[in-house]
Each structure stands twice: as structure tokens, then as C-alpha cells.
Amino acid sequence: SKETMSDKIKRLILNDCEKIS
């Protein structure tokens, strides 16, 4: 499945948020 740039960014941000909490 094709992942758009915004999808990648969203996933990265969610990843960072999980690491912080």
C-alpha cells in the first residue's frame, strides 16, 4: 500500500509521543 508523506509524518509524531509518555 502506498503511504503518503503526511501519513509518514503522522506516524513519526505518534511514535515520538509514545516515547515521551
PDB file of N, CA and C in Angstrom:
ATOM      1  N   SER A   1       0.851  -1.208   0.000  1.00  0.00           N
ATOM      2  CA  SER A   1       0.000   0.000   0.000  1.00  0.00           C
ATOM      3  C   SER A   1       0.875   1.242   0.000  1.00  0.00           C
ATOM      4  N   LYS A   2       0.435   2.244  -0.705  1.00  0.00           N
ATOM      5  CA  LYS A   2       1.228   3.479  -0.803  1.00  0.00           C
ATOM      6  C   LYS A   2       1.000   4.367   0.411  1.00  0.00           C
ATOM      7  N   GLU A   3       2.084   4.831   0.972  1.00  0.00           N
ATOM      8  CA  GLU A   3       1.985   5.693   2.152  1.00  0.00           C
ATOM      9  C   GLU A   3       2.349   7.121   1.762  1.00  0.00           C
ATOM     10  N   THR A   4       1.449   8.054   2.034  1.00  0.00           N
ATOM     11  CA  THR A   4       1.719   9.439   1.667  1.00  0.00           C
ATOM     12  C   THR A   4       2.680  10.078   2.656  1.00  0.00           C
ATOM     13  N   MET A   5       3.235  11.208   2.275  1.00  0.00           N
ATOM     14  CA  MET A   5       4.196  11.887   3.138  1.00  0.00           C
ATOM     15  C   MET A   5       3.557  12.270   4.463  1.00  0.00           C
ATOM     16  N   SER A   6       2.334  12.762   4.417  1.00  0.00           N
ATOM     17  CA  SER A   6       1.662  13.164   5.665  1.00  0.00           C
ATOM     18  C   SER A   6       1.425  11.948   6.555  1.00  0.00           C
ATOM     19  N   ASP A   7       1.172  10.800   5.950  1.00  0.00           N
ATOM     20  CA  ASP A   7       0.980   9.578   6.748  1.00  0.00           C
ATOM     21  C   ASP A   7       2.262   9.237   7.492  1.00  0.00           C
ATOM     22  N   LYS A   8       3.391   9.346   6.790  1.00  0.00           N
ATOM     23  CA  LYS A   8       4.681   9.057   7.433  1.00  0.00           C
ATOM     24  C   LYS A   8       4.920  10.018   8.584  1.00  0.00           C
ATOM     25  N   ILE A   9       4.664  11.289   8.335  1.00  0.00           N
ATOM     26  CA  ILE A   9       4.884  12.303   9.375  1.00  0.00           C
ATOM     27  C   ILE A   9       3.987  12.036  10.573  1.00  0.00           C
ATOM     28  N   LYS A  10       2.737  11.720  10.304  1.00  0.00           N
ATOM     29  CA  LYS A  10       1.805  11.443  11.414  1.00  0.00           C
ATOM     30  C   LYS A  10       2.308  10.262  12.244  1.00  0.00           C
ATOM     31  N   ARG A  11       2.772   9.221  11.556  1.00  0.00           N
ATOM     32  CA  ARG A  11       3.252   8.041  12.264  1.00  0.00           C
ATOM     33  C   ARG A  11       4.490   8.382  13.096  1.00  0.00           C
ATOM     34  N   LEU A  12       5.369   9.209  12.541  1.00  0.00           N
ATOM     35  CA  LEU A  12       6.565   9.608  13.281  1.00  0.00           C
ATOM     36  C   LEU A  12       6.191  10.401  14.519  1.00  0.00           C
ATOM     37  N   ILE A  13       5.245  11.312  14.379  1.00  0.00           N
ATOM     38  CA  ILE A  13       4.834  12.134  15.523  1.00  0.00           C
ATOM     39  C   ILE A  13       4.214  11.256  16.598  1.00  0.00           C
ATOM     40  N   LEU A  14       3.343  10.337  16.205  1.00  0.00           N
ATOM     41  CA  LEU A  14       2.722   9.441  17.183  1.00  0.00           C
ATOM     42  C   LEU A  14       3.792   8.606  17.875  1.00  0.00           C
ATOM     43  N   ASN A  15       4.779   8.182  17.116  1.00  0.00           N
ATOM     44  CA  ASN A  15       5.873   7.405  17.685  1.00  0.00           C
ATOM     45  C   ASN A  15       6.581   8.203  18.767  1.00  0.00           C
ATOM     46  N   ASP A  16       6.903   9.453  18.474  1.00  0.00           N
ATOM     47  CA  ASP A  16       7.603  10.307  19.438  1.00  0.00           C
ATOM     48  C   ASP A  16       6.746  10.524  20.674  1.00  0.00           C
ATOM     49  N   CYS A  17       5.475  10.732  20.482  1.00  0.00           N
ATOM     50  CA  CYS A  17       4.582  10.976  21.623  1.00  0.00           C
ATOM     51  C   CYS A  17       4.564   9.758  22.542  1.00  0.00           C
ATOM     52  N   GLU A  18       4.567   8.570  21.961  1.00  0.00           N
ATOM     53  CA  GLU A  18       4.550   7.359  22.787  1.00  0.00           C
ATOM     54  C   GLU A  18       5.847   7.226  23.568  1.00  0.00           C
ATOM     55  N   LYS A  19       6.961   7.598  22.953  1.00  0.00           N
ATOM     56  CA  LYS A  19       8.251   7.501  23.640  1.00  0.00           C
ATOM     57  C   LYS A  19       8.297   8.461  24.823  1.00  0.00           C
ATOM     58  N   ILE A  20       7.754   9.655  24.630  1.00  0.00           N
ATOM     59  CA  ILE A  20       7.794  10.674  25.685  1.00  0.00           C
ATOM     60  C   ILE A  20       6.938  10.249  26.875  1.00  0.00           C
ATOM     61  N   SER A  21       5.749   9.757  26.605  1.00  0.00           N
ATOM     62  CA  SER A  21       4.838   9.406  27.701  1.00  0.00           C
ATOM     63  C   SER A  21       5.230   8.122  28.398  1.00  0.00           C
TER      64      SER A  21
END
